[in-house]
């Protein structure tokens, strides 16, 4: 009888320890960025853009193209992990009609594997410094504002909590982001002209709607060759799964405006890019399916498995205790 008490007690102890290991060991490891993240999402919409070919040919009236249908593919992939830091590759391609590639950007980010905010940049990683969220949200995000990094202007801004609603059957927190300032992304600035002749600038400006044309006196004061800088404005609306932090849907409006780099301050001349896109229905459904699967796994390791092991352990402890008491009360063997 004493042997059975030890077996029951030992088994219950193992189950109880396993419950703790799953909850305190396995779950925290799952509840952080894994090393094999590789996600591609797609957006569709329209783009107003400066047509470089039209500018070169002298067709200034047709140099600004409007409502060009575009597709944006964004691939986010973990390329390295080191302790609590994950290094992400963030690759975006804007494709126009006839599969013409209009713009491609490549960025690297060092991200804390739990908070999803900035982490110390590992040596030789190629990651750019940043401040706040840049590639996603932490697990179970709160209904509050988060620091957010705008990659176009390379400045910190805020993702403002707006509301909670349902997306493809999932509860989603909605955040809005607004950022503006000088365009600082090297991939984007490299795709835009550093200077234009004054007659080209004035010719394109003349083709703009009257309410969008720069001041005539400012145009007259421009030098023969106009050095250009660019201002960027980004507005985002992001739907984030409330249980897993997976981004379900994104709406983006981003504009780049050419400015004459003259004293005492830059003069806004004309828009060179205006992109409005939103996640495709297929991407939203795929992200919602991923969120559903991830939520089940998180619940299983956080609650389901530890609770099941605990439920198995407690009756064994009870039986062992009952048998131990029964043994103590039994009459002594006369022998």
Protein backbone atom coordinates (compact mmCIF):
# COMPACT_ATOMS: atom_id res chain seq x y z
CA UNK A 1 0.00 0.00 0.00
CA UNK A 2 2.83 2.39 0.86
CA UNK A 3 4.36 1.85 -2.59
CA UNK A 4 1.12 2.84 -4.31
CA UNK A 5 1.02 6.05 -2.27
CA UNK A 6 4.49 6.95 -3.50
CA UNK A 7 3.55 6.18 -7.12
CA UNK A 8 0.41 8.28 -6.95
CA UNK A 9 2.19 11.14 -5.23
CA UNK A 10 5.10 11.04 -7.69
CA UNK A 11 2.80 10.98 -10.73
CA UNK A 12 0.75 13.88 -9.38
CA UNK A 13 3.93 15.85 -8.71
CA UNK A 14 5.16 15.26 -12.27
CA UNK A 15 1.82 16.44 -13.69
CA UNK A 16 1.85 19.52 -11.49
CA UNK A 17 5.42 20.32 -12.55
CA UNK A 18 4.49 19.82 -16.21
CA UNK A 19 1.61 22.27 -15.77
CA UNK A 20 4.06 24.88 -14.49
CA UNK A 21 6.57 24.18 -17.26
CA UNK A 22 3.93 24.63 -19.97
CA UNK A 23 2.55 27.84 -18.47
CA UNK A 24 5.79 29.44 -17.33
CA UNK A 25 8.26 27.97 -19.82
CA UNK A 26 6.64 26.93 -23.10
CA UNK A 27 3.97 29.66 -23.29
CA UNK A 28 6.34 32.64 -22.82
CA UNK A 29 8.51 31.27 -25.62
CA UNK A 30 5.49 31.08 -27.94
CA UNK A 31 4.26 34.51 -26.86
CA UNK A 32 7.21 36.24 -28.53
CA UNK A 33 8.44 36.66 -32.08
CA UNK A 34 9.56 33.25 -33.40
CA UNK A 35 12.61 32.88 -35.60
CA UNK A 36 10.70 31.64 -38.66
CA UNK A 37 8.30 34.53 -39.30
CA UNK A 38 7.76 35.05 -43.04
CA UNK A 39 4.57 36.90 -44.00
CA UNK A 40 3.49 38.49 -47.28
CA UNK A 41 0.46 40.76 -47.48
CA UNK A 42 -1.00 42.51 -50.52
CA UNK A 43 -2.69 45.88 -50.94
CA UNK A 44 -4.47 47.36 -53.93
CA UNK A 45 -5.53 50.89 -54.81
CA UNK A 46 -4.54 53.84 -56.96
CA UNK A 47 -1.57 56.13 -57.38
CA UNK A 48 -1.05 59.62 -58.80
CA UNK A 49 2.53 59.87 -60.00
CA UNK A 50 5.05 61.95 -61.90
CA UNK A 51 5.83 60.18 -65.18
CA UNK A 52 9.57 60.55 -65.75
CA UNK A 53 9.25 59.43 -69.38
CA UNK A 54 6.74 62.21 -70.11
CA UNK A 55 9.00 64.77 -68.46
CA UNK A 56 11.95 63.68 -70.57
CA UNK A 57 9.90 63.80 -73.76
CA UNK A 58 8.60 67.29 -72.99
CA UNK A 59 4.98 66.22 -72.53
CA UNK A 60 4.58 68.33 -69.42
CA UNK A 61 0.77 68.45 -69.56
CA UNK A 62 0.70 64.66 -69.29
CA UNK A 63 3.56 64.34 -66.82
CA UNK A 64 1.25 63.81 -63.84
CA UNK A 65 -0.67 60.55 -64.14
CA UNK A 66 -3.81 60.16 -62.07
CA UNK A 67 -5.61 57.11 -60.65
CA UNK A 68 -3.07 54.59 -61.88
CA UNK A 69 -4.12 51.15 -60.53
CA UNK A 70 -1.36 49.69 -58.34
CA UNK A 71 -0.62 46.64 -56.23
CA UNK A 72 1.65 46.73 -53.20
CA UNK A 73 3.28 43.52 -51.93
CA UNK A 74 4.93 43.67 -48.52
CA UNK A 75 7.04 40.80 -47.24
CA UNK A 76 8.09 40.86 -43.57
CA UNK A 77 10.63 38.19 -42.62
CA UNK A 78 12.83 37.44 -39.61
CA UNK A 79 16.39 37.12 -40.90
CA UNK A 80 18.17 36.79 -37.56
CA UNK A 81 17.50 36.46 -33.84
CA UNK A 82 19.81 37.22 -30.94
CA UNK A 83 18.44 36.81 -27.43
CA UNK A 84 15.45 39.13 -27.06
CA UNK A 85 16.05 40.81 -30.44
CA UNK A 86 14.70 39.82 -33.85
CA UNK A 87 16.04 41.45 -37.02
CA UNK A 88 13.37 41.85 -39.69
CA UNK A 89 13.65 42.37 -43.42
CA UNK A 90 10.84 44.64 -44.63
CA UNK A 91 10.52 44.51 -48.44
CA UNK A 92 7.83 46.42 -50.39
CA UNK A 93 7.16 46.56 -54.11
CA UNK A 94 4.65 48.85 -55.85
CA UNK A 95 3.55 47.42 -59.20
CA UNK A 96 1.57 49.30 -61.83
CA UNK A 97 -0.21 48.28 -65.04
CA UNK A 98 1.45 45.55 -67.13
CA UNK A 99 3.35 44.41 -64.01
CA UNK A 100 5.61 47.44 -64.24
CA UNK A 101 7.61 47.89 -61.04
CA UNK A 102 7.17 51.50 -59.93
CA UNK A 103 9.04 51.44 -56.62
CA UNK A 104 10.82 48.92 -54.41
CA UNK A 105 12.07 49.53 -50.87
CA UNK A 106 14.16 47.36 -48.56
CA UNK A 107 14.54 48.08 -44.86
CA UNK A 108 15.92 46.24 -41.83
CA UNK A 109 14.57 46.67 -38.31
CA UNK A 110 15.79 45.39 -34.93
CA UNK A 111 12.69 44.59 -32.86
CA UNK A 112 12.17 43.45 -29.27
CA UNK A 113 10.66 39.95 -29.46
CA UNK A 114 8.06 40.64 -26.76
CA UNK A 115 7.11 44.33 -26.94
CA UNK A 116 7.62 44.59 -30.76
CA UNK A 117 9.18 48.02 -30.16
CA UNK A 118 12.75 49.08 -30.93
CA UNK A 119 15.64 46.96 -29.70
CA UNK A 120 19.42 47.55 -29.69
CA UNK A 121 20.72 47.13 -33.23
CA UNK A 122 23.03 44.08 -33.51
CA UNK A 123 26.44 44.70 -35.09
CA UNK A 124 26.59 44.11 -38.86
CA UNK A 125 22.80 43.56 -39.05
CA UNK A 126 22.18 46.51 -41.37
CA UNK A 127 19.13 47.45 -39.29
CA UNK A 128 18.17 51.11 -39.12
CA UNK A 129 17.56 52.74 -35.72
CA UNK A 130 13.92 53.47 -34.95
CA UNK A 131 11.63 54.32 -32.05
CA UNK A 132 8.40 52.41 -31.35
CA UNK A 133 6.39 49.89 -33.36
CA UNK A 134 7.42 49.44 -36.98
CA UNK A 135 6.41 45.97 -38.22
CA UNK A 136 3.56 44.84 -35.98
CA UNK A 137 1.84 44.80 -32.60
CA UNK A 138 2.55 42.80 -29.44
CA UNK A 139 0.36 39.87 -28.43
CA UNK A 140 -2.94 40.99 -26.89
CA UNK A 141 -2.45 44.74 -27.56
CA UNK A 142 -4.13 47.16 -25.19
CA UNK A 143 -6.82 49.70 -25.94
CA UNK A 144 -4.30 52.55 -25.71
CA UNK A 145 -1.91 54.59 -27.82
CA UNK A 146 1.46 53.15 -28.88
CA UNK A 147 4.69 54.81 -30.04
CA UNK A 148 5.04 54.26 -33.79
CA UNK A 149 7.84 54.77 -36.30
CA UNK A 150 7.16 56.40 -39.67
CA UNK A 151 9.67 54.97 -42.13
CA UNK A 152 9.09 57.67 -44.78
CA UNK A 153 10.11 60.61 -42.60
CA UNK A 154 12.25 58.57 -40.18
CA UNK A 155 10.45 60.14 -37.23
CA UNK A 156 8.55 58.89 -34.18
CA UNK A 157 4.81 59.46 -34.05
CA UNK A 158 1.85 57.84 -32.27
CA UNK A 159 -0.55 55.05 -33.19
CA UNK A 160 -3.75 56.36 -31.60
CA UNK A 161 -6.31 53.84 -30.36
CA UNK A 162 -9.61 54.69 -32.04
CA UNK A 163 -12.16 51.92 -31.46
CA UNK A 164 -12.78 48.15 -31.39
CA UNK A 165 -14.81 46.33 -34.03
CA UNK A 166 -15.13 42.95 -35.78
CA UNK A 167 -13.12 41.90 -38.85
CA UNK A 168 -13.80 38.48 -40.40
CA UNK A 169 -15.20 37.25 -37.10
CA UNK A 170 -12.18 38.47 -35.09
CA UNK A 171 -12.25 41.26 -32.51
CA UNK A 172 -9.92 43.99 -33.73
CA UNK A 173 -8.55 47.17 -32.18
CA UNK A 174 -8.37 50.04 -34.67
CA UNK A 175 -5.41 52.44 -34.53
CA UNK A 176 -4.78 55.58 -36.60
CA UNK A 177 -1.41 57.08 -37.49
CA UNK A 178 -0.54 60.49 -38.93
CA UNK A 179 3.00 61.57 -39.78
CA UNK A 180 4.45 64.38 -41.87
CA UNK A 181 7.85 65.90 -42.48
CA UNK A 182 10.79 65.87 -44.90
CA UNK A 183 11.09 62.64 -46.86
CA UNK A 184 14.07 60.78 -45.39
CA UNK A 185 13.75 57.26 -46.79
CA UNK A 186 16.78 56.80 -49.10
CA UNK A 187 15.01 54.27 -51.36
CA UNK A 188 12.14 56.65 -52.00
CA UNK A 189 14.27 59.78 -52.47
CA UNK A 190 16.57 57.92 -54.88
CA UNK A 191 13.55 57.24 -57.11
CA UNK A 192 12.74 60.96 -57.39
CA UNK A 193 14.63 63.68 -59.33
CA UNK A 194 17.10 65.75 -57.31
CA UNK A 195 16.54 68.80 -59.56
CA UNK A 196 14.42 69.92 -62.54
CA UNK A 197 14.66 72.82 -65.00
CA UNK A 198 12.44 75.75 -64.06
CA UNK A 199 10.45 75.54 -67.31
CA UNK A 200 9.65 71.88 -66.54
CA UNK A 201 8.43 72.79 -63.06
CA UNK A 202 6.29 75.66 -64.32
CA UNK A 203 4.93 73.53 -67.18
CA UNK A 204 3.84 70.75 -64.86
CA UNK A 205 2.43 73.25 -62.36
CA UNK A 206 0.34 74.85 -65.09
CA UNK A 207 -1.35 71.48 -65.69
CA UNK A 208 -2.44 71.21 -62.07
CA UNK A 209 -5.96 72.19 -60.94
CA UNK A 210 -6.09 75.88 -60.05
CA UNK A 211 -6.43 75.22 -56.31
CA UNK A 212 -3.27 73.08 -56.30
CA UNK A 213 -0.93 75.33 -58.27
CA UNK A 214 1.98 77.01 -56.44
CA UNK A 215 2.08 80.79 -56.18
CA UNK A 216 2.99 82.39 -59.51
CA UNK A 217 5.44 84.81 -57.89
CA UNK A 218 7.22 81.92 -56.18
CA UNK A 219 7.57 80.14 -59.54
CA UNK A 220 9.02 83.25 -61.15
CA UNK A 221 11.62 83.54 -58.40
CA UNK A 222 12.95 80.02 -58.98
CA UNK A 223 16.46 79.56 -60.40
CA UNK A 224 16.94 78.10 -63.88
CA UNK A 225 17.68 74.70 -62.34
CA UNK A 226 15.49 74.04 -59.33
CA UNK A 227 17.04 71.89 -56.56
CA UNK A 228 14.32 69.69 -55.07
CA UNK A 229 13.56 68.21 -51.70
CA UNK A 230 10.42 66.28 -50.78
CA UNK A 231 7.85 66.38 -48.02
CA UNK A 232 5.98 63.23 -47.00
CA UNK A 233 2.58 62.80 -45.38
CA UNK A 234 1.34 59.39 -44.23
CA UNK A 235 -2.06 58.45 -42.84
CA UNK A 236 -2.74 54.89 -41.69
CA UNK A 237 -5.73 53.05 -40.29
CA UNK A 238 -4.77 49.63 -38.91
CA UNK A 239 -7.03 46.83 -37.66
CA UNK A 240 -5.13 44.65 -35.12
CA UNK A 241 -6.38 41.34 -33.73
CA UNK A 242 -7.06 41.88 -30.03
CA UNK A 243 -5.87 38.41 -28.95
CA UNK A 244 -2.77 37.83 -31.06
CA UNK A 245 -1.60 41.25 -32.29
CA UNK A 246 -1.77 40.08 -35.91
CA UNK A 247 -2.57 42.95 -38.31
CA UNK A 248 -5.79 42.01 -40.06
CA UNK A 249 -6.34 45.01 -42.34
CA UNK A 250 -4.53 48.23 -43.26
CA UNK A 251 -5.63 51.39 -45.05
CA UNK A 252 -2.88 53.80 -46.18
CA UNK A 253 -2.77 57.20 -47.85
CA UNK A 254 0.72 58.56 -48.53
CA UNK A 255 1.75 61.65 -50.50
CA UNK A 256 5.13 63.07 -51.56
CA UNK A 257 5.30 66.73 -52.57
CA UNK A 258 8.27 68.27 -54.41
CA UNK A 259 9.68 71.40 -52.82
CA UNK A 260 12.09 73.98 -54.18
CA UNK A 261 15.08 73.89 -51.85
CA UNK A 262 15.51 77.67 -51.63
CA UNK A 263 15.98 80.21 -48.86
CA UNK A 264 14.54 81.18 -46.47
CA UNK A 265 12.37 78.03 -46.53
CA UNK A 266 11.35 75.35 -49.06
CA UNK A 267 8.54 76.24 -51.46
CA UNK A 268 5.91 73.53 -52.12
CA UNK A 269 5.69 73.01 -55.88
CA UNK A 270 3.75 69.94 -56.96
CA UNK A 271 2.75 66.43 -55.86
CA UNK A 272 4.94 63.70 -57.33
CA UNK A 273 3.32 60.69 -55.67
CA UNK A 274 -0.07 60.11 -54.05
CA UNK A 275 -0.83 56.50 -53.10
CA UNK A 276 -4.09 55.21 -51.60
CA UNK A 277 -4.18 51.46 -50.93
CA UNK A 278 -5.89 48.95 -48.67
CA UNK A 279 -5.35 45.27 -47.84
CA UNK A 280 -7.01 42.93 -50.32
CA UNK A 281 -9.98 40.84 -49.16
CA UNK A 282 -7.86 37.72 -49.64
CA UNK A 283 -5.09 39.07 -47.40
CA UNK A 284 -7.61 40.04 -44.71
CA UNK A 285 -9.14 36.55 -44.72
CA UNK A 286 -5.69 34.92 -44.61
CA UNK A 287 -4.59 37.10 -41.69
CA UNK A 288 -7.84 36.37 -39.84
CA UNK A 289 -7.31 32.62 -40.33
CA UNK A 290 -3.75 32.94 -39.01
CA UNK A 291 -5.05 34.89 -36.01
CA UNK A 292 -7.65 32.21 -35.28
CA UNK A 293 -5.01 29.45 -35.34
CA UNK A 294 -2.56 31.48 -33.25
CA UNK A 295 -5.24 32.32 -30.69
CA UNK A 296 -6.05 28.62 -30.25
CA UNK A 297 -2.37 27.77 -29.74
CA UNK A 298 -1.92 30.59 -27.25
CA UNK A 299 -5.00 29.56 -25.27
CA UNK A 300 -3.91 25.92 -25.24
CA UNK A 301 -0.46 26.70 -23.81
CA UNK A 302 -1.55 29.57 -21.55
CA UNK A 303 -4.72 28.00 -20.10
CA UNK A 304 -5.90 24.72 -21.61
CA UNK A 305 -2.89 22.44 -21.16
CA UNK A 306 -1.80 23.76 -17.71
CA UNK A 307 -5.38 23.49 -16.43
CA UNK A 308 -5.79 19.95 -17.82
CA UNK A 309 -2.56 18.80 -16.17
CA UNK A 310 -3.61 20.43 -12.90
CA UNK A 311 -7.01 18.72 -13.04
CA UNK A 312 -5.26 15.37 -13.51
CA UNK A 313 -2.82 15.99 -10.66
CA UNK A 314 -5.31 16.99 -7.95
CA UNK A 315 -7.33 13.72 -7.87
CA UNK A 316 -4.09 11.73 -7.69
CA UNK A 317 -2.99 13.78 -4.69
CA UNK A 318 -6.42 13.16 -3.11
CA UNK A 319 -6.24 9.39 -3.66
CA UNK A 320 -2.67 9.25 -2.37
CA UNK A 321 -3.71 11.18 0.73
CA UNK A 322 -6.70 8.86 1.32
CA UNK A 323 -4.54 5.76 0.98
CA UNK A 324 -1.91 7.19 3.33
CA UNK A 325 -4.57 7.87 5.99
CA UNK A 326 -6.03 4.38 5.49
CA UNK A 327 -2.59 2.83 5.97
CA UNK A 328 -2.01 4.74 9.21
CA UNK A 329 -5.37 3.60 10.61
CA UNK A 330 -4.92 -0.10 9.78
CA UNK A 331 -4.22 -2.47 12.81
CA UNK A 332 -0.60 -3.53 13.27
CA UNK A 333 0.45 -6.96 11.92
CA UNK A 334 0.71 -9.37 14.96
CA UNK A 335 3.77 -10.98 13.44
